[in-house]
Amino acid sequence: MPQIFHHSTNTLARVTIFGAAFLVAAALGAATLLDRSAYWTRQTEVLKQPVPFSHDHHVGGIGIDCRYCHTSVENAAFAGIPPTATCMNCHSQIWADSPTLEPVRESFRTGQPLRWARVTDLPDFVYFDHSIHVAKGIGCVECHGRIDRMPLTHMASPLQMRWCLDCHRHPEKRLRPRAEVFNAKWEPPANAEAMRAQLAEEYRVTSMTDCSTCHR
């Protein structure tokens, strides 16, 4: 009986099978990289705001404490967005006629709050409590990055579940004294490991990876 297939058919079949497996693996790898990239998580994206507020100027330059604007950060889940009156405490005297700040003045006159776009916005199925993180000695920069260096605010962390779990598995690596939580310029001392071990015991910090910790 004559041979139906050419001798090269077996080689072609092997190449096709291995090639398909390679392409699938490459596609999965590319999808993983894309999922973790700043492009996908939108970490570097600057959202349009009613006023171009600069943390670099207000925090890094002038030295305003985070709690002056985010008044509920120490005792509530939500850090709070400052009312227009907080802005006008200064801007009724400073840059009082600036065209850039007209939306602030109009908001103050009419009583209609400014509609800020949330930069660090978690999904609705995720529960996050600012106050407990502050109480446990987690600095603002751990999630928000060097906010004091941002002329326009952008998201500094990916905020994906794997990123949160990295911290929740070993929270002691991120601890600092409570007095330094709002200090973006704080640097750990030479004995940082021993200090953090002591803080973990003092603040009763433990690894929390149960689903109900964040999904309620």
N, C-alpha and C. Protein backbone atom coordinates (compact mmCIF):
# COMPACT_ATOMS: atom_id res chain seq x y z
N MET A 1 0.84 -1.20 0.00
CA MET A 1 0.00 0.00 0.00
C MET A 1 0.88 1.25 0.00
N PRO A 2 0.63 2.18 -0.92
CA PRO A 2 1.48 3.38 -0.99
C PRO A 2 1.30 4.26 0.24
N GLN A 3 2.36 4.97 0.61
CA GLN A 3 2.32 5.86 1.77
C GLN A 3 1.43 7.05 1.48
N ILE A 4 0.46 7.33 2.42
CA ILE A 4 -0.50 8.42 2.21
C ILE A 4 0.12 9.77 2.54
N PHE A 5 0.83 9.84 3.68
CA PHE A 5 1.39 11.12 4.14
C PHE A 5 2.89 11.16 3.89
N HIS A 6 3.39 12.34 3.63
CA HIS A 6 4.81 12.53 3.41
C HIS A 6 5.56 12.33 4.72
N HIS A 7 6.84 12.00 4.66
CA HIS A 7 7.65 11.78 5.86
C HIS A 7 7.70 13.01 6.76
N SER A 8 7.60 14.16 6.16
CA SER A 8 7.70 15.41 6.95
C SER A 8 6.44 15.70 7.78
N THR A 9 5.39 14.94 7.57
CA THR A 9 4.13 15.20 8.28
C THR A 9 4.29 15.04 9.80
N ASN A 10 5.02 14.02 10.24
CA ASN A 10 5.23 13.83 11.68
C ASN A 10 5.95 15.02 12.30
N THR A 11 6.97 15.49 11.61
CA THR A 11 7.72 16.65 12.11
C THR A 11 6.82 17.88 12.17
N LEU A 12 6.03 18.05 11.12
CA LEU A 12 5.12 19.20 11.07
C LEU A 12 4.10 19.13 12.21
N ALA A 13 3.61 17.95 12.50
CA ALA A 13 2.63 17.77 13.58
C ALA A 13 3.25 18.13 14.93
N ARG A 14 4.49 17.65 15.16
CA ARG A 14 5.15 17.96 16.42
C ARG A 14 5.37 19.46 16.58
N VAL A 15 5.86 20.08 15.49
CA VAL A 15 6.12 21.52 15.54
C VAL A 15 4.83 22.29 15.82
N THR A 16 3.75 21.85 15.19
CA THR A 16 2.45 22.52 15.37
C THR A 16 1.98 22.40 16.81
N ILE A 17 2.09 21.20 17.40
CA ILE A 17 1.63 20.97 18.77
C ILE A 17 2.45 21.80 19.76
N PHE A 18 3.79 21.70 19.63
CA PHE A 18 4.65 22.46 20.55
C PHE A 18 4.52 23.96 20.32
N GLY A 19 4.35 24.35 19.06
CA GLY A 19 4.17 25.76 18.75
C GLY A 19 2.89 26.32 19.36
N ALA A 20 1.81 25.53 19.29
CA ALA A 20 0.54 25.97 19.87
C ALA A 20 0.66 26.10 21.39
N ALA A 21 1.35 25.14 22.03
CA ALA A 21 1.55 25.20 23.48
C ALA A 21 2.37 26.43 23.85
N PHE A 22 3.39 26.72 23.06
CA PHE A 22 4.23 27.89 23.31
C PHE A 22 3.42 29.18 23.16
N LEU A 23 2.59 29.26 22.13
CA LEU A 23 1.78 30.45 21.90
C LEU A 23 0.78 30.67 23.04
N VAL A 24 0.18 29.58 23.53
CA VAL A 24 -0.75 29.69 24.64
C VAL A 24 -0.03 30.20 25.89
N ALA A 25 1.16 29.62 26.17
CA ALA A 25 1.94 30.06 27.33
C ALA A 25 2.35 31.52 27.20
N ALA A 26 2.77 31.91 25.98
CA ALA A 26 3.18 33.30 25.75
C ALA A 26 1.99 34.25 25.91
N ALA A 27 0.82 33.82 25.45
CA ALA A 27 -0.37 34.66 25.58
C ALA A 27 -0.75 34.84 27.04
N LEU A 28 -0.66 33.75 27.82
CA LEU A 28 -0.96 33.84 29.25
C LEU A 28 0.03 34.74 29.96
N GLY A 29 1.32 34.60 29.60
CA GLY A 29 2.34 35.46 30.20
C GLY A 29 2.12 36.92 29.87
N ALA A 30 1.78 37.20 28.60
CA ALA A 30 1.52 38.58 28.19
C ALA A 30 0.31 39.15 28.91
N ALA A 31 -0.73 38.31 29.07
CA ALA A 31 -1.93 38.76 29.78
C ALA A 31 -1.62 39.07 31.23
N THR A 32 -0.76 38.26 31.86
CA THR A 32 -0.37 38.50 33.26
C THR A 32 0.40 39.80 33.39
N LEU A 33 1.34 40.03 32.47
CA LEU A 33 2.12 41.26 32.50
C LEU A 33 1.24 42.48 32.28
N LEU A 34 0.29 42.36 31.35
CA LEU A 34 -0.63 43.46 31.10
C LEU A 34 -1.49 43.75 32.32
N ASP A 35 -1.96 42.69 32.96
CA ASP A 35 -2.82 42.84 34.14
C ASP A 35 -2.09 43.55 35.27
N ARG A 36 -0.78 43.37 35.37
CA ARG A 36 0.01 43.98 36.45
C ARG A 36 0.68 45.28 36.02
N SER A 37 0.48 45.70 34.80
CA SER A 37 1.14 46.90 34.30
C SER A 37 0.43 48.16 34.76
N ALA A 38 1.17 49.26 34.80
CA ALA A 38 0.59 50.55 35.18
C ALA A 38 -0.46 50.99 34.17
N TYR A 39 -0.31 50.54 32.92
CA TYR A 39 -1.31 50.89 31.89
C TYR A 39 -2.67 50.32 32.26
N TRP A 40 -2.69 49.08 32.74
CA TRP A 40 -3.95 48.41 33.07
C TRP A 40 -4.51 48.90 34.41
N THR A 41 -3.64 49.07 35.40
CA THR A 41 -4.10 49.52 36.72
C THR A 41 -4.32 51.02 36.77
N ARG A 42 -3.86 51.75 35.75
CA ARG A 42 -4.04 53.20 35.64
C ARG A 42 -3.33 53.95 36.76
N GLN A 43 -2.19 53.41 37.18
CA GLN A 43 -1.45 54.02 38.29
C GLN A 43 -0.96 55.42 37.98
N THR A 44 -0.53 55.65 36.76
CA THR A 44 0.09 56.94 36.44
C THR A 44 -0.89 57.93 35.82
N GLU A 45 -2.15 57.54 35.72
CA GLU A 45 -3.14 58.39 35.06
C GLU A 45 -3.57 59.54 35.99
N VAL A 46 -3.53 60.73 35.47
CA VAL A 46 -3.98 61.92 36.21
C VAL A 46 -5.41 62.22 35.76
N LEU A 47 -6.35 62.16 36.69
CA LEU A 47 -7.75 62.39 36.38
C LEU A 47 -8.05 63.89 36.34
N LYS A 48 -9.01 64.24 35.52
CA LYS A 48 -9.42 65.64 35.44
C LYS A 48 -10.18 66.02 36.70
N GLN A 49 -9.78 67.11 37.33
CA GLN A 49 -10.39 67.57 38.56
C GLN A 49 -10.96 68.99 38.36
N PRO A 50 -11.89 69.39 39.21
CA PRO A 50 -12.44 70.75 39.08
C PRO A 50 -11.39 71.84 39.32
N VAL A 51 -10.38 71.50 40.12
CA VAL A 51 -9.27 72.41 40.40
C VAL A 51 -7.98 71.59 40.39
N PRO A 52 -6.92 72.07 39.75
CA PRO A 52 -5.65 71.32 39.72
C PRO A 52 -4.92 71.39 41.06
N PHE A 53 -5.38 70.60 42.02
CA PHE A 53 -4.81 70.65 43.38
C PHE A 53 -3.45 69.96 43.41
N SER A 54 -2.48 70.61 44.02
CA SER A 54 -1.12 70.09 44.09
C SER A 54 -0.76 69.69 45.52
N HIS A 55 -0.61 68.38 45.76
CA HIS A 55 -0.10 67.93 47.06
C HIS A 55 1.37 68.31 47.21
N ASP A 56 2.08 68.37 46.10
CA ASP A 56 3.49 68.76 46.14
C ASP A 56 3.63 70.15 46.77
N HIS A 57 2.73 71.04 46.41
CA HIS A 57 2.78 72.41 46.95
C HIS A 57 2.25 72.46 48.38
N HIS A 58 1.07 71.89 48.59
CA HIS A 58 0.40 72.03 49.89
C HIS A 58 1.05 71.17 50.99
N VAL A 59 1.47 69.96 50.62
CA VAL A 59 2.06 69.06 51.63
C VAL A 59 3.58 69.18 51.63
N GLY A 60 4.19 68.96 50.46
CA GLY A 60 5.64 68.99 50.38
C GLY A 60 6.23 70.38 50.58
N GLY A 61 5.57 71.40 50.00
CA GLY A 61 6.11 72.76 50.08
C GLY A 61 5.73 73.48 51.35
N ILE A 62 4.43 73.61 51.60
CA ILE A 62 3.95 74.36 52.76
C ILE A 62 4.01 73.53 54.04
N GLY A 63 3.85 72.21 53.90
CA GLY A 63 3.93 71.35 55.07
C GLY A 63 2.60 71.13 55.77
N ILE A 64 1.48 71.25 55.04
CA ILE A 64 0.16 71.02 55.64
C ILE A 64 0.01 69.54 55.98
N ASP A 65 -0.43 69.25 57.18
CA ASP A 65 -0.64 67.88 57.64
C ASP A 65 -1.85 67.27 56.92
N CYS A 66 -1.75 65.99 56.61
CA CYS A 66 -2.84 65.28 55.92
C CYS A 66 -4.17 65.47 56.63
N ARG A 67 -4.14 65.47 57.96
CA ARG A 67 -5.36 65.50 58.76
C ARG A 67 -6.08 66.85 58.72
N TYR A 68 -5.41 67.88 58.22
CA TYR A 68 -6.07 69.18 58.11
C TYR A 68 -7.20 69.11 57.10
N CYS A 69 -6.99 68.35 56.02
CA CYS A 69 -8.03 68.19 55.00
C CYS A 69 -8.81 66.89 55.16
N HIS A 70 -8.09 65.83 55.46
CA HIS A 70 -8.73 64.51 55.60
C HIS A 70 -8.99 64.27 57.09
N THR A 71 -10.02 64.92 57.58
CA THR A 71 -10.23 65.03 59.02
C THR A 71 -10.67 63.73 59.69
N SER A 72 -11.26 62.80 58.95
CA SER A 72 -11.78 61.58 59.57
C SER A 72 -10.86 60.38 59.42
N VAL A 73 -9.65 60.60 58.92
CA VAL A 73 -8.77 59.48 58.60
C VAL A 73 -8.38 58.65 59.83
N GLU A 74 -8.38 59.27 61.02
CA GLU A 74 -7.96 58.55 62.22
C GLU A 74 -9.09 57.80 62.92
N ASN A 75 -10.32 58.13 62.58
CA ASN A 75 -11.43 57.51 63.32
C ASN A 75 -12.56 56.98 62.45
N ALA A 76 -12.35 56.89 61.15
CA ALA A 76 -13.40 56.39 60.26
C ALA A 76 -12.78 55.61 59.11
N ALA A 77 -13.63 54.83 58.45
CA ALA A 77 -13.15 54.06 57.30
C ALA A 77 -12.75 54.99 56.16
N PHE A 78 -13.51 56.05 55.96
CA PHE A 78 -13.27 56.99 54.87
C PHE A 78 -12.43 58.15 55.38
N ALA A 79 -11.39 58.50 54.65
CA ALA A 79 -10.49 59.56 55.10
C ALA A 79 -11.14 60.93 55.06
N GLY A 80 -12.15 61.09 54.21
CA GLY A 80 -12.86 62.36 54.13
C GLY A 80 -12.30 63.27 53.05
N ILE A 81 -13.21 63.96 52.36
CA ILE A 81 -12.83 64.98 51.38
C ILE A 81 -13.14 66.33 51.98
N PRO A 82 -12.20 67.25 51.99
CA PRO A 82 -12.43 68.52 52.68
C PRO A 82 -13.55 69.33 52.06
N PRO A 83 -14.38 69.96 52.88
CA PRO A 83 -15.39 70.88 52.35
C PRO A 83 -14.71 72.13 51.79
N THR A 84 -15.43 72.85 50.97
CA THR A 84 -14.86 74.05 50.36
C THR A 84 -14.43 75.07 51.41
N ALA A 85 -15.13 75.07 52.54
CA ALA A 85 -14.77 76.02 53.61
C ALA A 85 -13.34 75.81 54.07
N THR A 86 -12.86 74.57 54.05
CA THR A 86 -11.48 74.29 54.44
C THR A 86 -10.51 74.97 53.48
N CYS A 87 -10.81 74.91 52.20
CA CYS A 87 -9.96 75.57 51.20
C CYS A 87 -9.98 77.09 51.41
N MET A 88 -11.18 77.61 51.70
CA MET A 88 -11.32 79.06 51.84
C MET A 88 -10.71 79.60 53.11
N ASN A 89 -10.39 78.74 54.07
CA ASN A 89 -9.67 79.21 55.26
C ASN A 89 -8.40 79.94 54.87
N CYS A 90 -7.76 79.45 53.82
CA CYS A 90 -6.54 80.11 53.32
C CYS A 90 -6.83 80.98 52.10
N HIS A 91 -7.64 80.44 51.17
CA HIS A 91 -7.77 81.09 49.87
C HIS A 91 -8.75 82.26 49.84
N SER A 92 -9.31 82.59 51.00
CA SER A 92 -10.01 83.86 51.08
C SER A 92 -9.01 85.02 51.16
N GLN A 93 -7.75 84.67 51.50
CA GLN A 93 -6.69 85.66 51.61
C GLN A 93 -5.57 85.44 50.58
N ILE A 94 -5.28 84.15 50.28
CA ILE A 94 -4.18 83.82 49.38
C ILE A 94 -4.75 83.41 48.03
N TRP A 95 -4.25 84.01 46.97
CA TRP A 95 -4.76 83.75 45.62
C TRP A 95 -6.28 83.96 45.57
N ALA A 96 -6.73 84.97 46.27
CA ALA A 96 -8.18 85.19 46.42
C ALA A 96 -8.85 85.55 45.10
N ASP A 97 -8.10 86.07 44.14
CA ASP A 97 -8.67 86.47 42.85
C ASP A 97 -8.19 85.60 41.69
N SER A 98 -7.56 84.49 42.00
CA SER A 98 -7.02 83.63 40.95
C SER A 98 -8.15 83.01 40.12
N PRO A 99 -8.09 83.12 38.79
CA PRO A 99 -9.11 82.48 37.94
C PRO A 99 -9.14 80.96 38.12
N THR A 100 -7.99 80.38 38.44
CA THR A 100 -7.92 78.92 38.62
C THR A 100 -8.78 78.47 39.79
N LEU A 101 -8.91 79.32 40.79
CA LEU A 101 -9.66 78.97 41.99
C LEU A 101 -11.10 79.45 41.97
N GLU A 102 -11.57 79.93 40.84
CA GLU A 102 -12.95 80.37 40.75
C GLU A 102 -13.95 79.26 41.08
N PRO A 103 -13.71 77.99 40.65
CA PRO A 103 -14.64 76.92 41.06
C PRO A 103 -14.75 76.77 42.58
N VAL A 104 -13.66 77.03 43.29
CA VAL A 104 -13.68 76.95 44.75
C VAL A 104 -14.54 78.07 45.32
N ARG A 105 -14.35 79.28 44.81
CA ARG A 105 -15.12 80.42 45.31
C ARG A 105 -16.61 80.26 44.98
N GLU A 106 -16.91 79.76 43.78
CA GLU A 106 -18.31 79.54 43.41
C GLU A 106 -18.95 78.49 44.30
N SER A 107 -18.21 77.43 44.60
CA SER A 107 -18.71 76.39 45.49
C SER A 107 -19.01 76.97 46.87
N PHE A 108 -18.14 77.84 47.34
CA PHE A 108 -18.33 78.45 48.66
C PHE A 108 -19.55 79.39 48.66
N ARG A 109 -19.72 80.11 47.55
CA ARG A 109 -20.86 81.04 47.46
C ARG A 109 -22.19 80.31 47.39
N THR A 110 -22.23 79.25 46.61
CA THR A 110 -23.50 78.55 46.34
C THR A 110 -23.79 77.43 47.32
N GLY A 111 -22.75 76.95 48.02
CA GLY A 111 -22.95 75.82 48.91
C GLY A 111 -22.96 74.48 48.20
N GLN A 112 -22.67 74.48 46.90
CA GLN A 112 -22.60 73.24 46.13
C GLN A 112 -21.17 72.69 46.19
N PRO A 113 -20.99 71.48 46.71
CA PRO A 113 -19.62 70.94 46.85
C PRO A 113 -18.96 70.70 45.50
N LEU A 114 -17.66 70.80 45.48
CA LEU A 114 -16.90 70.45 44.28
C LEU A 114 -16.99 68.95 44.03
N ARG A 115 -17.05 68.58 42.79
CA ARG A 115 -17.15 67.16 42.42
C ARG A 115 -15.76 66.63 42.06
N TRP A 116 -15.03 66.20 43.09
CA TRP A 116 -13.69 65.65 42.87
C TRP A 116 -13.79 64.24 42.32
N ALA A 117 -12.90 63.90 41.42
CA ALA A 117 -12.81 62.53 40.91
C ALA A 117 -11.92 61.72 41.84
N ARG A 118 -12.42 60.60 42.35
CA ARG A 118 -11.63 59.78 43.28
C ARG A 118 -10.47 59.13 42.54
N VAL A 119 -9.28 59.37 43.02
CA VAL A 119 -8.08 58.82 42.40
C VAL A 119 -7.84 57.39 42.88
N THR A 120 -7.86 57.19 44.17
CA THR A 120 -7.66 55.87 44.76
C THR A 120 -9.04 55.29 45.05
N ASP A 121 -9.56 54.56 44.09
CA ASP A 121 -10.95 54.11 44.15
C ASP A 121 -11.02 52.59 44.11
N LEU A 122 -11.34 51.98 45.25
CA LEU A 122 -11.45 50.53 45.32
C LEU A 122 -12.81 50.08 44.81
N PRO A 123 -12.92 48.83 44.34
CA PRO A 123 -14.22 48.30 43.93
C PRO A 123 -15.20 48.28 45.10
N ASP A 124 -16.49 48.27 44.79
CA ASP A 124 -17.51 48.31 45.83
C ASP A 124 -17.50 47.06 46.71
N PHE A 125 -16.95 45.96 46.19
CA PHE A 125 -16.95 44.72 46.98
C PHE A 125 -15.74 44.61 47.91
N VAL A 126 -14.95 45.66 47.98
CA VAL A 126 -13.78 45.67 48.86
C VAL A 126 -14.01 46.67 50.00
N TYR A 127 -13.80 46.21 51.22
CA TYR A 127 -13.93 47.08 52.38
C TYR A 127 -12.53 47.50 52.85
N PHE A 128 -12.33 48.79 52.99
CA PHE A 128 -11.05 49.31 53.47
C PHE A 128 -11.32 50.34 54.55
N ASP A 129 -10.62 50.22 55.66
CA ASP A 129 -10.80 51.12 56.79
C ASP A 129 -9.51 51.89 57.04
N HIS A 130 -9.53 53.20 56.80
CA HIS A 130 -8.34 54.01 57.03
C HIS A 130 -7.92 53.99 58.49
N SER A 131 -8.89 54.09 59.38
CA SER A 131 -8.57 54.27 60.80
C SER A 131 -7.78 53.10 61.38
N ILE A 132 -8.11 51.88 60.99
CA ILE A 132 -7.40 50.73 61.56
C ILE A 132 -5.96 50.67 61.05
N HIS A 133 -5.75 51.09 59.80
CA HIS A 133 -4.39 51.09 59.26
C HIS A 133 -3.54 52.16 59.95
N VAL A 134 -4.14 53.31 60.21
CA VAL A 134 -3.44 54.37 60.94
C VAL A 134 -3.10 53.90 62.35
N ALA A 135 -4.07 53.27 63.00
CA ALA A 135 -3.87 52.81 64.38
C ALA A 135 -2.79 51.74 64.48
N LYS A 136 -2.61 50.97 63.41
CA LYS A 136 -1.60 49.90 63.42
C LYS A 136 -0.23 50.37 62.94
N GLY A 137 -0.11 51.65 62.59
CA GLY A 137 1.20 52.18 62.22
C GLY A 137 1.56 52.02 60.76
N ILE A 138 0.56 52.05 59.89
CA ILE A 138 0.81 51.99 58.44
C ILE A 138 0.79 53.41 57.89
N GLY A 139 1.91 53.85 57.34
CA GLY A 139 2.01 55.21 56.83
C GLY A 139 1.20 55.44 55.58
N CYS A 140 0.79 56.67 55.36
CA CYS A 140 0.02 57.04 54.16
C CYS A 140 0.75 56.64 52.88
N VAL A 141 2.07 56.79 52.88
CA VAL A 141 2.84 56.54 51.66
C VAL A 141 2.82 55.08 51.24
N GLU A 142 2.48 54.16 52.14
CA GLU A 142 2.46 52.74 51.79
C GLU A 142 1.42 52.47 50.69
N CYS A 143 0.34 53.22 50.70
CA CYS A 143 -0.69 53.06 49.67
C CYS A 143 -0.67 54.21 48.66
N HIS A 144 -0.47 55.43 49.17
CA HIS A 144 -0.59 56.61 48.32
C HIS A 144 0.73 57.05 47.71
N GLY A 145 1.83 56.40 48.07
CA GLY A 145 3.12 56.80 47.54
C GLY A 145 3.56 58.15 48.09
N ARG A 146 4.59 58.72 47.47
CA ARG A 146 5.09 60.02 47.92
C ARG A 146 4.15 61.12 47.42
N ILE A 147 3.01 61.18 48.06
CA ILE A 147 1.98 62.14 47.70
C ILE A 147 2.50 63.57 47.81
N ASP A 148 3.49 63.77 48.69
CA ASP A 148 4.05 65.10 48.88
C ASP A 148 4.91 65.54 47.71
N ARG A 149 5.12 64.67 46.73
CA ARG A 149 5.91 65.00 45.55
C ARG A 149 5.06 65.03 44.28
N MET A 150 3.76 64.99 44.42
CA MET A 150 2.87 64.92 43.25
C MET A 150 2.26 66.29 42.95
N PRO A 151 2.69 66.95 41.88
CA PRO A 151 2.05 68.21 41.48
C PRO A 151 0.57 67.99 41.16
N LEU A 152 0.27 66.88 40.49
CA LEU A 152 -1.10 66.45 40.26
C LEU A 152 -1.21 65.01 40.74
N THR A 153 -2.25 64.71 41.45
CA THR A 153 -2.34 63.41 42.13
C THR A 153 -2.66 62.28 41.16
N HIS A 154 -1.91 61.21 41.30
CA HIS A 154 -2.21 59.98 40.56
C HIS A 154 -2.11 58.79 41.52
N MET A 155 -2.67 57.68 41.11
CA MET A 155 -2.64 56.48 41.95
C MET A 155 -1.24 55.90 41.93
N ALA A 156 -0.68 55.66 43.11
CA ALA A 156 0.71 55.21 43.21
C ALA A 156 0.83 53.70 43.28
N SER A 157 -0.21 53.00 43.73
CA SER A 157 -0.16 51.55 43.93
C SER A 157 -1.19 50.87 43.04
N PRO A 158 -0.97 49.62 42.66
CA PRO A 158 -1.91 48.93 41.77
C PRO A 158 -3.26 48.62 42.42
N LEU A 159 -3.28 48.45 43.75
CA LEU A 159 -4.50 48.17 44.50
C LEU A 159 -5.18 46.86 44.08
N GLN A 160 -4.43 45.98 43.45
CA GLN A 160 -4.97 44.66 43.14
C GLN A 160 -4.88 43.77 44.38
N MET A 161 -5.67 42.70 44.40
CA MET A 161 -5.73 41.87 45.60
C MET A 161 -4.37 41.29 45.96
N ARG A 162 -3.59 40.90 44.99
CA ARG A 162 -2.27 40.33 45.28
C ARG A 162 -1.38 41.37 45.97
N TRP A 163 -1.56 42.63 45.60
CA TRP A 163 -0.77 43.70 46.21
C TRP A 163 -1.17 43.88 47.68
N CYS A 164 -2.47 43.88 47.94
CA CYS A 164 -2.95 43.99 49.32
C CYS A 164 -2.49 42.79 50.16
N LEU A 165 -2.55 41.60 49.57
CA LEU A 165 -2.17 40.39 50.30
C LEU A 165 -0.68 40.38 50.63
N ASP A 166 0.14 40.95 49.77
CA ASP A 166 1.58 41.02 50.06
C ASP A 166 1.82 41.72 51.40
N CYS A 167 1.04 42.75 51.67
CA CYS A 167 1.18 43.48 52.92
C CYS A 167 0.49 42.74 54.07
N HIS A 168 -0.68 42.19 53.80
CA HIS A 168 -1.44 41.51 54.86
C HIS A 168 -0.76 40.23 55.34
N ARG A 169 0.05 39.62 54.48
CA ARG A 169 0.79 38.42 54.91
C ARG A 169 1.93 38.79 55.85
N HIS A 170 2.58 39.92 55.57
CA HIS A 170 3.73 40.34 56.38
C HIS A 170 3.61 41.84 56.71
N PRO A 171 2.60 42.20 57.48
CA PRO A 171 2.39 43.62 57.78
C PRO A 171 3.52 44.26 58.58
N GLU A 172 4.26 43.43 59.32
CA GLU A 172 5.32 43.99 60.17
C GLU A 172 6.40 44.70 59.34
N LYS A 173 6.51 44.38 58.06
CA LYS A 173 7.53 45.01 57.22
C LYS A 173 7.19 46.45 56.87
N ARG A 174 5.94 46.85 57.09
CA ARG A 174 5.50 48.20 56.70
C ARG A 174 5.27 49.12 57.88
N LEU A 175 5.54 48.67 59.08
CA LEU A 175 5.18 49.44 60.27
C LEU A 175 6.11 50.63 60.51
N ARG A 176 5.55 51.62 61.14
CA ARG A 176 6.31 52.79 61.60
C ARG A 176 5.63 53.29 62.87
N PRO A 177 6.30 54.10 63.67
CA PRO A 177 5.65 54.65 64.86
C PRO A 177 4.41 55.44 64.46
N ARG A 178 3.38 55.38 65.28
CA ARG A 178 2.14 56.09 64.97
C ARG A 178 2.37 57.58 64.75
N ALA A 179 3.33 58.13 65.47
CA ALA A 179 3.63 59.56 65.35
C ALA A 179 4.17 59.92 63.97
N GLU A 180 4.60 58.92 63.20
CA GLU A 180 5.20 59.17 61.89
C GLU A 180 4.29 58.72 60.73
N VAL A 181 3.08 58.29 61.04
CA VAL A 181 2.18 57.78 60.00
C VAL A 181 1.94 58.80 58.90
N PHE A 182 1.80 60.07 59.28
CA PHE A 182 1.46 61.12 58.32
C PHE A 182 2.70 61.86 57.80
N ASN A 183 3.87 61.39 58.17
CA ASN A 183 5.12 62.01 57.74
C ASN A 183 5.63 61.29 56.50
N ALA A 184 5.41 61.89 55.34
CA ALA A 184 5.81 61.25 54.08
C ALA A 184 7.32 61.14 53.94
N LYS A 185 8.07 61.96 54.66
CA LYS A 185 9.53 61.98 54.53
C LYS A 185 10.23 61.07 55.53
N TRP A 186 9.47 60.38 56.36
CA TRP A 186 10.07 59.53 57.39
C TRP A 186 10.88 58.40 56.77
N GLU A 187 12.05 58.14 57.32
CA GLU A 187 12.91 57.04 56.88
C GLU A 187 13.14 56.10 58.05
N PRO A 188 13.08 54.78 57.82
CA PRO A 188 13.30 53.83 58.92
C PRO A 188 14.72 53.93 59.46
N PRO A 189 14.90 53.74 60.75
CA PRO A 189 16.24 53.83 61.36
C PRO A 189 17.07 52.59 61.04
N ALA A 190 18.31 52.60 61.51
CA ALA A 190 19.22 51.47 61.25
C ALA A 190 18.70 50.18 61.87
N ASN A 191 18.02 50.28 63.00
CA ASN A 191 17.49 49.09 63.68
C ASN A 191 16.02 48.85 63.32
N ALA A 192 15.70 49.09 62.04
CA ALA A 192 14.30 49.05 61.60
C ALA A 192 13.64 47.70 61.89
N GLU A 193 14.36 46.61 61.67
CA GLU A 193 13.76 45.28 61.87
C GLU A 193 13.35 45.07 63.32
N ALA A 194 14.24 45.41 64.24
CA ALA A 194 13.94 45.27 65.66
C ALA A 194 12.83 46.23 66.08
N MET A 195 12.86 47.44 65.54
CA MET A 195 11.84 48.43 65.87
C MET A 195 10.47 47.94 65.43
N ARG A 196 10.40 47.39 64.21
CA ARG A 196 9.12 46.93 63.68
C ARG A 196 8.60 45.71 64.43
N ALA A 197 9.49 44.86 64.85
CA ALA A 197 9.07 43.70 65.65
C ALA A 197 8.46 44.17 66.97
N GLN A 198 9.07 45.20 67.56
CA GLN A 198 8.54 45.75 68.81
C GLN A 198 7.20 46.42 68.58
N LEU A 199 7.08 47.17 67.46
CA LEU A 199 5.82 47.84 67.15
C LEU A 199 4.72 46.83 66.88
N ALA A 200 5.05 45.73 66.19
CA ALA A 200 4.06 44.71 65.89
C ALA A 200 3.46 44.15 67.18
N GLU A 201 4.31 43.97 68.18
CA GLU A 201 3.83 43.47 69.47
C GLU A 201 3.03 44.54 70.20
N GLU A 202 3.53 45.76 70.18
CA GLU A 202 2.86 46.86 70.90
C GLU A 202 1.51 47.19 70.28
N TYR A 203 1.45 47.21 68.94
CA TYR A 203 0.21 47.57 68.24
C TYR A 203 -0.69 46.36 67.96
N ARG A 204 -0.22 45.19 68.38
CA ARG A 204 -0.96 43.94 68.17
C ARG A 204 -1.27 43.71 66.69
N VAL A 205 -0.22 43.76 65.89
CA VAL A 205 -0.34 43.57 64.45
C VAL A 205 -0.13 42.10 64.11
N THR A 206 -1.08 41.52 63.40
CA THR A 206 -0.98 40.12 62.98
C THR A 206 -1.31 40.00 61.50
N SER A 207 -0.90 38.90 60.92
CA SER A 207 -1.22 38.62 59.52
C SER A 207 -2.71 38.35 59.41
N MET A 208 -3.37 39.04 58.47
CA MET A 208 -4.81 38.87 58.27
C MET A 208 -5.10 38.62 56.80
N THR A 209 -5.34 37.37 56.45
CA THR A 209 -5.58 37.02 55.05
C THR A 209 -6.93 36.34 54.85
N ASP A 210 -7.75 36.34 55.88
CA ASP A 210 -9.08 35.77 55.73
C ASP A 210 -9.91 36.62 54.76
N CYS A 211 -10.71 35.98 53.93
CA CYS A 211 -11.49 36.68 52.91
C CYS A 211 -12.38 37.77 53.52
N SER A 212 -12.97 37.48 54.70
CA SER A 212 -13.90 38.40 55.32
C SER A 212 -13.23 39.67 55.84
N THR A 213 -11.89 39.69 55.87
CA THR A 213 -11.19 40.91 56.30
C THR A 213 -11.51 42.07 55.36
N CYS A 214 -11.54 41.80 54.08
CA CYS A 214 -11.78 42.85 53.09
C CYS A 214 -13.09 42.70 52.33
N HIS A 215 -13.61 41.49 52.26
CA HIS A 215 -14.85 41.23 51.52
C HIS A 215 -15.95 40.92 52.52
N ARG A 216 -16.85 41.90 52.72
CA ARG A 216 -17.89 41.75 53.73
C ARG A 216 -19.27 41.87 53.12
